[in-house]
Amino acid sequence: MAVLTHTKLFQAANDTLELPAPEIPAEFEIQVTGAGTLTLEFQDSVDGTNWVAVQVYNVSTGAGAANITAAGLFRAGGGGQAGAIFRKPRLRCTAFTSGNLTGIVASVLRP
C-alpha cells in the first residue's frame, strides 16, 4: 500500500488540485482546513474533458455529500465505492465568495 499526499490553497473559483491518476483501486482522504465561503468538489473524468462530482463522506458524521463547504475530514473511494478506479481525480473550487480553504489529499493506493 502506498500513500501520496498533495496540498493546495483554494482562493478563487476554478482553483484546482490535479491528482496523479492511480489507475488502480484507490481511496482518497481529503482534509480541509481554514475558513471561507466556497465550495470544493472532488471530481473524476475518464476523458479529461467531462468531469463528474464524486460523492465524499464526512469522516466525523458518516454523511455523504456531493461537495465540501466547511473544514473537516472526508473520504472518497471507500465504503460503497470500494474498488473504485479513478482515472483523472481532482479537487476543484466550484464556487467562491471569500476566504480560503486548504485542501490536503492523501491518495491511498490499494494494489
PDB file of N, CA and C in Angstrom:
ATOM      1  N   MET A   1       0.851  -1.173   0.000  1.00  0.00           N
ATOM      2  CA  MET A   1       0.000   0.000   0.000  1.00  0.00           C
ATOM      3  C   MET A   1       0.895   1.233   0.000  1.00  0.00           C
ATOM      4  N   ALA A   2       0.581   2.183  -0.868  1.00  0.00           N
ATOM      5  CA  ALA A   2       1.336   3.434  -0.956  1.00  0.00           C
ATOM      6  C   ALA A   2       0.415   4.602  -0.637  1.00  0.00           C
ATOM      7  N   VAL A   3       0.981   5.645  -0.025  1.00  0.00           N
ATOM      8  CA  VAL A   3       0.212   6.851   0.292  1.00  0.00           C
ATOM      9  C   VAL A   3       0.945   8.047  -0.303  1.00  0.00           C
ATOM     10  N   LEU A   4       0.223   8.832  -1.110  1.00  0.00           N
ATOM     11  CA  LEU A   4       0.763  10.040  -1.723  1.00  0.00           C
ATOM     12  C   LEU A   4      -0.039  11.221  -1.193  1.00  0.00           C
ATOM     13  N   THR A   5       0.625  12.334  -0.862  1.00  0.00           N
ATOM     14  CA  THR A   5      -0.073  13.493  -0.302  1.00  0.00           C
ATOM     15  C   THR A   5       0.168  14.719  -1.177  1.00  0.00           C
ATOM     16  N   HIS A   6      -0.917  15.488  -1.411  1.00  0.00           N
ATOM     17  CA  HIS A   6      -0.868  16.696  -2.239  1.00  0.00           C
ATOM     18  C   HIS A   6      -1.647  17.794  -1.528  1.00  0.00           C
ATOM     19  N   THR A   7      -1.161  19.050  -1.631  1.00  0.00           N
ATOM     20  CA  THR A   7      -1.777  20.174  -0.915  1.00  0.00           C
ATOM     21  C   THR A   7      -2.015  21.343  -1.866  1.00  0.00           C
ATOM     22  N   LYS A   8      -3.144  22.051  -1.649  1.00  0.00           N
ATOM     23  CA  LYS A   8      -3.469  23.227  -2.457  1.00  0.00           C
ATOM     24  C   LYS A   8      -4.247  24.222  -1.604  1.00  0.00           C
ATOM     25  N   LEU A   9      -3.907  25.515  -1.705  1.00  0.00           N
ATOM     26  CA  LEU A   9      -4.658  26.593  -1.071  1.00  0.00           C
ATOM     27  C   LEU A   9      -5.672  27.094  -2.097  1.00  0.00           C
ATOM     28  N   PHE A  10      -6.945  26.972  -1.782  1.00  0.00           N
ATOM     29  CA  PHE A  10      -8.017  27.390  -2.686  1.00  0.00           C
ATOM     30  C   PHE A  10      -8.442  28.803  -2.335  1.00  0.00           C
ATOM     31  N   GLN A  11      -8.265  29.750  -3.278  1.00  0.00           N
ATOM     32  CA  GLN A  11      -8.553  31.160  -3.049  1.00  0.00           C
ATOM     33  C   GLN A  11      -9.437  31.779  -4.113  1.00  0.00           C
ATOM     34  N   ALA A  12      -9.855  31.004  -5.097  1.00  0.00           N
ATOM     35  CA  ALA A  12     -10.678  31.550  -6.179  1.00  0.00           C
ATOM     36  C   ALA A  12     -11.454  30.425  -6.856  1.00  0.00           C
ATOM     37  N   ALA A  13     -12.528  30.809  -7.524  1.00  0.00           N
ATOM     38  CA  ALA A  13     -13.287  29.829  -8.291  1.00  0.00           C
ATOM     39  C   ALA A  13     -12.373  29.216  -9.346  1.00  0.00           C
ATOM     40  N   ASN A  14     -12.568  27.947  -9.580  1.00  0.00           N
ATOM     41  CA  ASN A  14     -11.813  27.153 -10.564  1.00  0.00           C
ATOM     42  C   ASN A  14     -10.398  26.788 -10.143  1.00  0.00           C
ATOM     43  N   ASP A  15      -9.949  27.196  -8.936  1.00  0.00           N
ATOM     44  CA  ASP A  15      -8.679  26.670  -8.432  1.00  0.00           C
ATOM     45  C   ASP A  15      -8.818  25.151  -8.389  1.00  0.00           C
ATOM     46  N   THR A  16      -7.786  24.454  -8.840  1.00  0.00           N
ATOM     47  CA  THR A  16      -7.885  23.002  -8.970  1.00  0.00           C
ATOM     48  C   THR A  16      -6.607  22.326  -8.494  1.00  0.00           C
ATOM     49  N   LEU A  17      -6.775  21.257  -7.750  1.00  0.00           N
ATOM     50  CA  LEU A  17      -5.668  20.401  -7.352  1.00  0.00           C
ATOM     51  C   LEU A  17      -5.779  19.125  -8.180  1.00  0.00           C
ATOM     52  N   GLU A  18      -4.933  19.026  -9.208  1.00  0.00           N
ATOM     53  CA  GLU A  18      -4.912  17.834 -10.061  1.00  0.00           C
ATOM     54  C   GLU A  18      -4.141  16.739  -9.323  1.00  0.00           C
ATOM     55  N   LEU A  19      -4.682  15.549  -9.323  1.00  0.00           N
ATOM     56  CA  LEU A  19      -4.043  14.429  -8.640  1.00  0.00           C
ATOM     57  C   LEU A  19      -3.552  13.419  -9.672  1.00  0.00           C
ATOM     58  N   PRO A  20      -2.439  12.750  -9.394  1.00  0.00           N
ATOM     59  CA  PRO A  20      -1.960  11.739 -10.335  1.00  0.00           C
ATOM     60  C   PRO A  20      -2.993  10.624 -10.461  1.00  0.00           C
ATOM     61  N   ALA A  21      -3.205  10.155 -11.663  1.00  0.00           N
ATOM     62  CA  ALA A  21      -4.165   9.069 -11.890  1.00  0.00           C
ATOM     63  C   ALA A  21      -3.594   7.763 -11.360  1.00  0.00           C
ATOM     64  N   PRO A  22      -4.225   7.190 -10.341  1.00  0.00           N
ATOM     65  CA  PRO A  22      -3.670   5.963  -9.770  1.00  0.00           C
ATOM     66  C   PRO A  22      -3.836   4.744 -10.669  1.00  0.00           C
ATOM     67  N   GLU A  23      -4.894   4.709 -11.482  1.00  0.00           N
ATOM     68  CA  GLU A  23      -5.153   3.599 -12.405  1.00  0.00           C
ATOM     69  C   GLU A  23      -5.301   2.251 -11.699  1.00  0.00           C
ATOM     70  N   ILE A  24      -5.401   2.265 -10.390  1.00  0.00           N
ATOM     71  CA  ILE A  24      -5.673   1.060  -9.607  1.00  0.00           C
ATOM     72  C   ILE A  24      -6.684   1.457  -8.540  1.00  0.00           C
ATOM     73  N   PRO A  25      -7.328   0.503  -7.885  1.00  0.00           N
ATOM     74  CA  PRO A  25      -8.264   0.882  -6.826  1.00  0.00           C
ATOM     75  C   PRO A  25      -7.588   1.789  -5.806  1.00  0.00           C
ATOM     76  N   ALA A  26      -8.276   2.871  -5.467  1.00  0.00           N
ATOM     77  CA  ALA A  26      -7.699   3.851  -4.547  1.00  0.00           C
ATOM     78  C   ALA A  26      -8.779   4.442  -3.657  1.00  0.00           C
ATOM     79  N   GLU A  27      -8.349   4.924  -2.526  1.00  0.00           N
ATOM     80  CA  GLU A  27      -9.220   5.656  -1.615  1.00  0.00           C
ATOM     81  C   GLU A  27      -8.537   6.986  -1.343  1.00  0.00           C
ATOM     82  N   PHE A  28      -9.309   8.045  -1.234  1.00  0.00           N
ATOM     83  CA  PHE A  28      -8.758   9.374  -1.001  1.00  0.00           C
ATOM     84  C   PHE A  28      -9.267   9.922   0.315  1.00  0.00           C
ATOM     85  N   GLU A  29      -8.358  10.421   1.132  1.00  0.00           N
ATOM     86  CA  GLU A  29      -8.728  11.168   2.330  1.00  0.00           C
ATOM     87  C   GLU A  29      -8.476  12.631   2.029  1.00  0.00           C
ATOM     88  N   ILE A  30      -9.475  13.460   2.307  1.00  0.00           N
ATOM     89  CA  ILE A  30      -9.407  14.879   1.979  1.00  0.00           C
ATOM     90  C   ILE A  30      -9.578  15.653   3.276  1.00  0.00           C
ATOM     91  N   GLN A  31      -8.521  16.309   3.716  1.00  0.00           N
ATOM     92  CA  GLN A  31      -8.609  17.148   4.909  1.00  0.00           C
ATOM     93  C   GLN A  31      -8.684  18.592   4.457  1.00  0.00           C
ATOM     94  N   VAL A  32      -9.700  19.308   4.936  1.00  0.00           N
ATOM     95  CA  VAL A  32      -9.904  20.698   4.567  1.00  0.00           C
ATOM     96  C   VAL A  32      -9.758  21.547   5.816  1.00  0.00           C
ATOM     97  N   THR A  33      -8.903  22.580   5.755  1.00  0.00           N
ATOM     98  CA  THR A  33      -8.690  23.475   6.883  1.00  0.00           C
ATOM     99  C   THR A  33      -8.862  24.916   6.422  1.00  0.00           C
ATOM    100  N   GLY A  34      -9.121  25.808   7.364  1.00  0.00           N
ATOM    101  CA  GLY A  34      -9.267  27.228   7.056  1.00  0.00           C
ATOM    102  C   GLY A  34     -10.707  27.668   7.174  1.00  0.00           C
ATOM    103  N   ALA A  35     -10.974  28.884   6.730  1.00  0.00           N
ATOM    104  CA  ALA A  35     -12.318  29.445   6.796  1.00  0.00           C
ATOM    105  C   ALA A  35     -12.604  30.208   5.515  1.00  0.00           C
ATOM    106  N   GLY A  36     -13.807  30.080   5.051  1.00  0.00           N
ATOM    107  CA  GLY A  36     -14.182  30.801   3.847  1.00  0.00           C
ATOM    108  C   GLY A  36     -15.555  30.392   3.379  1.00  0.00           C
ATOM    109  N   THR A  37     -16.063  31.129   2.426  1.00  0.00           N
ATOM    110  CA  THR A  37     -17.338  30.815   1.815  1.00  0.00           C
ATOM    111  C   THR A  37     -17.043  30.364   0.394  1.00  0.00           C
ATOM    112  N   LEU A  38     -16.856  29.059   0.257  1.00  0.00           N
ATOM    113  CA  LEU A  38     -16.545  28.481  -1.035  1.00  0.00           C
ATOM    114  C   LEU A  38     -16.940  27.016  -1.047  1.00  0.00           C
ATOM    115  N   THR A  39     -16.984  26.453  -2.235  1.00  0.00           N
ATOM    116  CA  THR A  39     -17.404  25.065  -2.400  1.00  0.00           C
ATOM    117  C   THR A  39     -16.306  24.289  -3.111  1.00  0.00           C
ATOM    118  N   LEU A  40     -15.914  23.171  -2.525  1.00  0.00           N
ATOM    119  CA  LEU A  40     -14.943  22.276  -3.144  1.00  0.00           C
ATOM    120  C   LEU A  40     -15.666  21.018  -3.603  1.00  0.00           C
ATOM    121  N   GLU A  41     -15.242  20.490  -4.735  1.00  0.00           N
ATOM    122  CA  GLU A  41     -15.842  19.284  -5.277  1.00  0.00           C
ATOM    123  C   GLU A  41     -14.734  18.316  -5.646  1.00  0.00           C
ATOM    124  N   PHE A  42     -14.849  17.064  -5.202  1.00  0.00           N
ATOM    125  CA  PHE A  42     -13.929  16.013  -5.629  1.00  0.00           C
ATOM    126  C   PHE A  42     -14.512  15.455  -6.915  1.00  0.00           C
ATOM    127  N   GLN A  43     -13.723  15.457  -7.990  1.00  0.00           N
ATOM    128  CA  GLN A  43     -14.229  15.082  -9.305  1.00  0.00           C
ATOM    129  C   GLN A  43     -13.343  14.023  -9.952  1.00  0.00           C
ATOM    130  N   ASP A  44     -13.925  13.351 -10.939  1.00  0.00           N
ATOM    131  CA  ASP A  44     -13.146  12.414 -11.737  1.00  0.00           C
ATOM    132  C   ASP A  44     -13.638  12.483 -13.181  1.00  0.00           C
ATOM    133  N   SER A  45     -12.790  12.054 -14.095  1.00  0.00           N
ATOM    134  CA  SER A  45     -13.113  12.050 -15.520  1.00  0.00           C
ATOM    135  C   SER A  45     -12.360  10.916 -16.184  1.00  0.00           C
ATOM    136  N   VAL A  46     -12.970  10.310 -17.177  1.00  0.00           N
ATOM    137  CA  VAL A  46     -12.283   9.295 -17.961  1.00  0.00           C
ATOM    138  C   VAL A  46     -11.525   9.960 -19.104  1.00  0.00           C
ATOM    139  N   ASP A  47     -12.146  10.986 -19.722  1.00  0.00           N
ATOM    140  CA  ASP A  47     -11.552  11.605 -20.906  1.00  0.00           C
ATOM    141  C   ASP A  47     -10.817  12.916 -20.638  1.00  0.00           C
ATOM    142  N   GLY A  48     -10.882  13.436 -19.396  1.00  0.00           N
ATOM    143  CA  GLY A  48     -10.204  14.683 -19.071  1.00  0.00           C
ATOM    144  C   GLY A  48     -10.940  15.920 -19.554  1.00  0.00           C
ATOM    145  N   THR A  49     -12.133  15.742 -20.093  1.00  0.00           N
ATOM    146  CA  THR A  49     -12.950  16.857 -20.581  1.00  0.00           C
ATOM    147  C   THR A  49     -14.267  16.955 -19.822  1.00  0.00           C
ATOM    148  N   ASN A  50     -14.907  15.831 -19.612  1.00  0.00           N
ATOM    149  CA  ASN A  50     -16.201  15.777 -18.932  1.00  0.00           C
ATOM    150  C   ASN A  50     -15.997  15.306 -17.497  1.00  0.00           C
ATOM    151  N   TRP A  51     -16.235  16.219 -16.539  1.00  0.00           N
ATOM    152  CA  TRP A  51     -15.960  15.952 -15.128  1.00  0.00           C
ATOM    153  C   TRP A  51     -17.247  15.647 -14.377  1.00  0.00           C
ATOM    154  N   VAL A  52     -17.161  14.723 -13.439  1.00  0.00           N
ATOM    155  CA  VAL A  52     -18.316  14.325 -12.638  1.00  0.00           C
ATOM    156  C   VAL A  52     -17.937  14.413 -11.165  1.00  0.00           C
ATOM    157  N   ALA A  53     -18.832  14.995 -10.371  1.00  0.00           N
ATOM    158  CA  ALA A  53     -18.606  15.052  -8.921  1.00  0.00           C
ATOM    159  C   ALA A  53     -18.695  13.644  -8.340  1.00  0.00           C
ATOM    160  N   VAL A  54     -17.762  13.323  -7.464  1.00  0.00           N
ATOM    161  CA  VAL A  54     -17.742  12.031  -6.783  1.00  0.00           C
ATOM    162  C   VAL A  54     -18.200  12.253  -5.352  1.00  0.00           C
ATOM    163  N   GLN A  55     -19.103  11.418  -4.892  1.00  0.00           N
ATOM    164  CA  GLN A  55     -19.611  11.520  -3.527  1.00  0.00           C
ATOM    165  C   GLN A  55     -18.458  11.421  -2.530  1.00  0.00           C
ATOM    166  N   VAL A  56     -18.440  12.328  -1.558  1.00  0.00           N
ATOM    167  CA  VAL A  56     -17.475  12.266  -0.465  1.00  0.00           C
ATOM    168  C   VAL A  56     -18.238  11.998   0.829  1.00  0.00           C
ATOM    169  N   TYR A  57     -17.560  11.436   1.798  1.00  0.00           N
ATOM    170  CA  TYR A  57     -18.179  11.102   3.080  1.00  0.00           C
ATOM    171  C   TYR A  57     -17.443  11.801   4.205  1.00  0.00           C
ATOM    172  N   ASN A  58     -18.190  12.507   5.046  1.00  0.00           N
ATOM    173  CA  ASN A  58     -17.629  13.171   6.206  1.00  0.00           C
ATOM    174  C   ASN A  58     -17.234  12.094   7.218  1.00  0.00           C
ATOM    175  N   VAL A  59     -15.971  12.049   7.584  1.00  0.00           N
ATOM    176  CA  VAL A  59     -15.484  11.014   8.493  1.00  0.00           C
ATOM    177  C   VAL A  59     -16.134  11.130   9.873  1.00  0.00           C
ATOM    178  N   SER A  60     -16.394  12.354  10.324  1.00  0.00           N
ATOM    179  CA  SER A  60     -16.974  12.564  11.652  1.00  0.00           C
ATOM    180  C   SER A  60     -18.423  12.133  11.736  1.00  0.00           C
ATOM    181  N   THR A  61     -19.202  12.416  10.689  1.00  0.00           N
ATOM    182  CA  THR A  61     -20.646  12.159  10.751  1.00  0.00           C
ATOM    183  C   THR A  61     -21.095  10.978   9.912  1.00  0.00           C
ATOM    184  N   GLY A  62     -20.268  10.570   8.945  1.00  0.00           N
ATOM    185  CA  GLY A  62     -20.654   9.496   8.039  1.00  0.00           C
ATOM    186  C   GLY A  62     -21.570   9.963   6.916  1.00  0.00           C
ATOM    187  N   ALA A  63     -21.947  11.238   6.941  1.00  0.00           N
ATOM    188  CA  ALA A  63     -22.853  11.772   5.928  1.00  0.00           C
ATOM    189  C   ALA A  63     -22.157  11.911   4.578  1.00  0.00           C
ATOM    190  N   GLY A  64     -22.879  11.578   3.520  1.00  0.00           N
ATOM    191  CA  GLY A  64     -22.365  11.727   2.170  1.00  0.00           C
ATOM    192  C   GLY A  64     -22.767  13.070   1.598  1.00  0.00           C
ATOM    193  N   ALA A  65     -21.948  13.593   0.712  1.00  0.00           N
ATOM    194  CA  ALA A  65     -22.254  14.869   0.072  1.00  0.00           C
ATOM    195  C   ALA A  65     -21.570  14.932  -1.286  1.00  0.00           C
ATOM    196  N   ALA A  66     -22.126  15.745  -2.171  1.00  0.00           N
ATOM    197  CA  ALA A  66     -21.527  15.935  -3.488  1.00  0.00           C
ATOM    198  C   ALA A  66     -20.425  16.986  -3.455  1.00  0.00           C
ATOM    199  N   ASN A  67     -20.399  17.804  -2.379  1.00  0.00           N
ATOM    200  CA  ASN A  67     -19.370  18.833  -2.291  1.00  0.00           C
ATOM    201  C   ASN A  67     -19.009  19.118  -0.841  1.00  0.00           C
ATOM    202  N   ILE A  68     -17.948  19.906  -0.664  1.00  0.00           N
ATOM    203  CA  ILE A  68     -17.415  20.253   0.649  1.00  0.00           C
ATOM    204  C   ILE A  68     -17.517  21.763   0.815  1.00  0.00           C
ATOM    205  N   THR A  69     -18.156  22.212   1.896  1.00  0.00           N
ATOM    206  CA  THR A  69     -18.321  23.650   2.118  1.00  0.00           C
ATOM    207  C   THR A  69     -17.734  24.120   3.448  1.00  0.00           C
ATOM    208  N   ALA A  70     -17.138  23.219   4.217  1.00  0.00           N
ATOM    209  CA  ALA A  70     -16.566  23.594   5.512  1.00  0.00           C
ATOM    210  C   ALA A  70     -15.356  22.711   5.810  1.00  0.00           C
ATOM    211  N   ALA A  71     -14.563  23.152   6.761  1.00  0.00           N
ATOM    212  CA  ALA A  71     -13.397  22.379   7.177  1.00  0.00           C
ATOM    213  C   ALA A  71     -13.841  21.029   7.722  1.00  0.00           C
ATOM    214  N   GLY A  72     -12.994  20.022   7.550  1.00  0.00           N
ATOM    215  CA  GLY A  72     -13.298  18.693   8.066  1.00  0.00           C
ATOM    216  C   GLY A  72     -12.451  17.651   7.377  1.00  0.00           C
ATOM    217  N   LEU A  73     -12.749  16.389   7.681  1.00  0.00           N
ATOM    218  CA  LEU A  73     -12.044  15.255   7.087  1.00  0.00           C
ATOM    219  C   LEU A  73     -13.066  14.425   6.311  1.00  0.00           C
ATOM    220  N   PHE A  74     -12.748  14.156   5.055  1.00  0.00           N
ATOM    221  CA  PHE A  74     -13.674  13.479   4.158  1.00  0.00           C
ATOM    222  C   PHE A  74     -12.969  12.323   3.460  1.00  0.00           C
ATOM    223  N   ARG A  75     -13.762  11.380   2.946  1.00  0.00           N
ATOM    224  CA  ARG A  75     -13.213  10.249   2.196  1.00  0.00           C
ATOM    225  C   ARG A  75     -13.973  10.067   0.898  1.00  0.00           C
ATOM    226  N   ALA A  76     -13.266   9.601  -0.110  1.00  0.00           N
ATOM    227  CA  ALA A  76     -13.869   9.208  -1.385  1.00  0.00           C
ATOM    228  C   ALA A  76     -13.194   7.922  -1.826  1.00  0.00           C
ATOM    229  N   GLY A  77     -13.968   7.043  -2.430  1.00  0.00           N
ATOM    230  CA  GLY A  77     -13.397   5.803  -2.953  1.00  0.00           C
ATOM    231  C   GLY A  77     -13.458   4.635  -2.009  1.00  0.00           C
ATOM    232  N   GLY A  78     -13.951   4.825  -0.809  1.00  0.00           N
ATOM    233  CA  GLY A  78     -14.086   3.725   0.142  1.00  0.00           C
ATOM    234  C   GLY A  78     -15.551   3.377   0.323  1.00  0.00           C
ATOM    235  N   GLY A  79     -15.849   2.547   1.282  1.00  0.00           N
ATOM    236  CA  GLY A  79     -17.242   2.190   1.568  1.00  0.00           C
ATOM    237  C   GLY A  79     -17.921   1.613   0.347  1.00  0.00           C
ATOM    238  N   GLY A  80     -19.037   2.234  -0.068  1.00  0.00           N
ATOM    239  CA  GLY A  80     -19.786   1.771  -1.222  1.00  0.00           C
ATOM    240  C   GLY A  80     -19.039   1.946  -2.529  1.00  0.00           C
ATOM    241  N   GLN A  81     -17.956   2.712  -2.498  1.00  0.00           N
ATOM    242  CA  GLN A  81     -17.149   2.919  -3.697  1.00  0.00           C
ATOM    243  C   GLN A  81     -15.882   2.064  -3.670  1.00  0.00           C
ATOM    244  N   ALA A  82     -15.797   1.140  -2.730  1.00  0.00           N
ATOM    245  CA  ALA A  82     -14.585   0.326  -2.592  1.00  0.00           C
ATOM    246  C   ALA A  82     -14.245  -0.330  -3.925  1.00  0.00           C
ATOM    247  N   GLY A  83     -12.995  -0.298  -4.273  1.00  0.00           N
ATOM    248  CA  GLY A  83     -12.542  -0.873  -5.525  1.00  0.00           C
ATOM    249  C   GLY A  83     -12.657   0.078  -6.700  1.00  0.00           C
ATOM    250  N   ALA A  84     -13.098   1.325  -6.420  1.00  0.00           N
ATOM    251  CA  ALA A  84     -13.234   2.311  -7.497  1.00  0.00           C
ATOM    252  C   ALA A  84     -11.863   2.596  -8.110  1.00  0.00           C
ATOM    253  N   ILE A  85     -11.847   2.721  -9.428  1.00  0.00           N
ATOM    254  CA  ILE A  85     -10.618   3.082 -10.128  1.00  0.00           C
ATOM    255  C   ILE A  85     -10.811   4.481 -10.683  1.00  0.00           C
ATOM    256  N   PHE A  86     -10.007   5.415 -10.204  1.00  0.00           N
ATOM    257  CA  PHE A  86     -10.099   6.800 -10.633  1.00  0.00           C
ATOM    258  C   PHE A  86      -9.120   7.038 -11.779  1.00  0.00           C
ATOM    259  N   ARG A  87      -9.568   7.738 -12.816  1.00  0.00           N
ATOM    260  CA  ARG A  87      -8.733   7.978 -13.986  1.00  0.00           C
ATOM    261  C   ARG A  87      -8.009   9.322 -13.914  1.00  0.00           C
ATOM    262  N   LYS A  88      -8.745  10.396 -13.588  1.00  0.00           N
ATOM    263  CA  LYS A  88      -8.166  11.735 -13.528  1.00  0.00           C
ATOM    264  C   LYS A  88      -8.768  12.483 -12.336  1.00  0.00           C
ATOM    265  N   PRO A  89      -8.505  12.028 -11.117  1.00  0.00           N
ATOM    266  CA  PRO A  89      -9.116  12.661  -9.953  1.00  0.00           C
ATOM    267  C   PRO A  89      -8.579  14.068  -9.708  1.00  0.00           C
ATOM    268  N   ARG A  90      -9.455  14.914  -9.164  1.00  0.00           N
ATOM    269  CA  ARG A  90      -9.040  16.272  -8.815  1.00  0.00           C
ATOM    270  C   ARG A  90      -9.976  16.834  -7.762  1.00  0.00           C
ATOM    271  N   LEU A  91      -9.486  17.857  -7.054  1.00  0.00           N
ATOM    272  CA  LEU A  91     -10.290  18.611  -6.098  1.00  0.00           C
ATOM    273  C   LEU A  91     -10.385  20.016  -6.667  1.00  0.00           C
ATOM    274  N   ARG A  92     -11.610  20.518  -6.861  1.00  0.00           N
ATOM    275  CA  ARG A  92     -11.801  21.787  -7.564  1.00  0.00           C
ATOM    276  C   ARG A  92     -12.729  22.705  -6.795  1.00  0.00           C
ATOM    277  N   CYS A  93     -12.418  24.000  -6.798  1.00  0.00           N
ATOM    278  CA  CYS A  93     -13.278  25.019  -6.206  1.00  0.00           C
ATOM    279  C   CYS A  93     -14.324  25.395  -7.255  1.00  0.00           C
ATOM    280  N   THR A  94     -15.585  25.054  -7.002  1.00  0.00           N
ATOM    281  CA  THR A  94     -16.637  25.300  -7.986  1.00  0.00           C
ATOM    282  C   THR A  94     -17.411  26.590  -7.711  1.00  0.00           C
ATOM    283  N   ALA A  95     -17.282  27.142  -6.512  1.00  0.00           N
ATOM    284  CA  ALA A  95     -17.940  28.415  -6.175  1.00  0.00           C
ATOM    285  C   ALA A  95     -17.093  29.115  -5.123  1.00  0.00           C
ATOM    286  N   PHE A  96     -16.955  30.437  -5.255  1.00  0.00           N
ATOM    287  CA  PHE A  96     -16.109  31.196  -4.333  1.00  0.00           C
ATOM    288  C   PHE A  96     -16.748  32.536  -4.021  1.00  0.00           C
ATOM    289  N   THR A  97     -16.777  32.886  -2.727  1.00  0.00           N
ATOM    290  CA  THR A  97     -17.226  34.212  -2.298  1.00  0.00           C
ATOM    291  C   THR A  97     -16.108  34.931  -1.558  1.00  0.00           C
ATOM    292  N   SER A  98     -15.550  34.267  -0.529  1.00  0.00           N
ATOM    293  CA  SER A  98     -14.492  34.907   0.250  1.00  0.00           C
ATOM    294  C   SER A  98     -13.692  33.880   1.030  1.00  0.00           C
ATOM    295  N   GLY A  99     -12.552  34.327   1.596  1.00  0.00           N
ATOM    296  CA  GLY A  99     -11.715  33.488   2.450  1.00  0.00           C
ATOM    297  C   GLY A  99     -10.863  32.529   1.648  1.00  0.00           C
ATOM    298  N   ASN A 100     -10.422  31.480   2.318  1.00  0.00           N
ATOM    299  CA  ASN A 100      -9.657  30.441   1.643  1.00  0.00           C
ATOM    300  C   ASN A 100      -9.689  29.172   2.479  1.00  0.00           C
ATOM    301  N   LEU A 101      -9.592  28.063   1.815  1.00  0.00           N
ATOM    302  CA  LEU A 101      -9.502  26.758   2.453  1.00  0.00           C
ATOM    303  C   LEU A 101      -8.301  26.042   1.860  1.00  0.00           C
ATOM    304  N   THR A 102      -7.623  25.273   2.680  1.00  0.00           N
ATOM    305  CA  THR A 102      -6.519  24.453   2.205  1.00  0.00           C
ATOM    306  C   THR A 102      -7.026  23.019   2.109  1.00  0.00           C
ATOM    307  N   GLY A 103      -6.818  22.416   0.952  1.00  0.00           N
ATOM    308  CA  GLY A 103      -7.187  21.010   0.761  1.00  0.00           C
ATOM    309  C   GLY A 103      -5.930  20.160   0.744  1.00  0.00           C
ATOM    310  N   ILE A 104      -5.905  19.166   1.597  1.00  0.00           N
ATOM    311  CA  ILE A 104      -4.802  18.215   1.642  1.00  0.00           C
ATOM    312  C   ILE A 104      -5.393  16.859   1.279  1.00  0.00           C
ATOM    313  N   VAL A 105      -4.918  16.262   0.194  1.00  0.00           N
ATOM    314  CA  VAL A 105      -5.473  14.998  -0.272  1.00  0.00           C
ATOM    315  C   VAL A 105      -4.413  13.922  -0.156  1.00  0.00           C
ATOM    316  N   ALA A 106      -4.754  12.853   0.552  1.00  0.00           N
ATOM    317  CA  ALA A 106      -3.884  11.690   0.650  1.00  0.00           C
ATOM    318  C   ALA A 106      -4.495  10.594  -0.207  1.00  0.00           C
ATOM    319  N   SER A 107      -3.748  10.114  -1.186  1.00  0.00           N
ATOM    320  CA  SER A 107      -4.182   9.015  -2.043  1.00  0.00           C
ATOM    321  C   SER A 107      -3.659   7.720  -1.443  1.00  0.00           C
ATOM    322  N   VAL A 108      -4.565   6.819  -1.101  1.00  0.00           N
ATOM    323  CA  VAL A 108      -4.178   5.523  -0.559  1.00  0.00           C
ATOM    324  C   VAL A 108      -4.395   4.501  -1.666  1.00  0.00           C
ATOM    325  N   LEU A 109      -3.306   4.015  -2.241  1.00  0.00           N
ATOM    326  CA  LEU A 109      -3.388   3.081  -3.361  1.00  0.00           C
ATOM    327  C   LEU A 109      -3.446   1.657  -2.840  1.00  0.00           C
ATOM    328  N   ARG A 110      -4.403   0.894  -3.352  1.00  0.00           N
ATOM    329  CA  ARG A 110      -4.604  -0.482  -2.892  1.00  0.00           C
ATOM    330  C   ARG A 110      -4.422  -1.456  -4.053  1.00  0.00           C
ATOM    331  N   PRO A 111      -3.228  -2.010  -4.185  1.00  0.00           N
ATOM    332  CA  PRO A 111      -2.963  -2.940  -5.304  1.00  0.00           C
ATOM    333  C   PRO A 111      -3.768  -4.228  -5.182  1.00  0.00           C
TER     334      PRO A 111
END
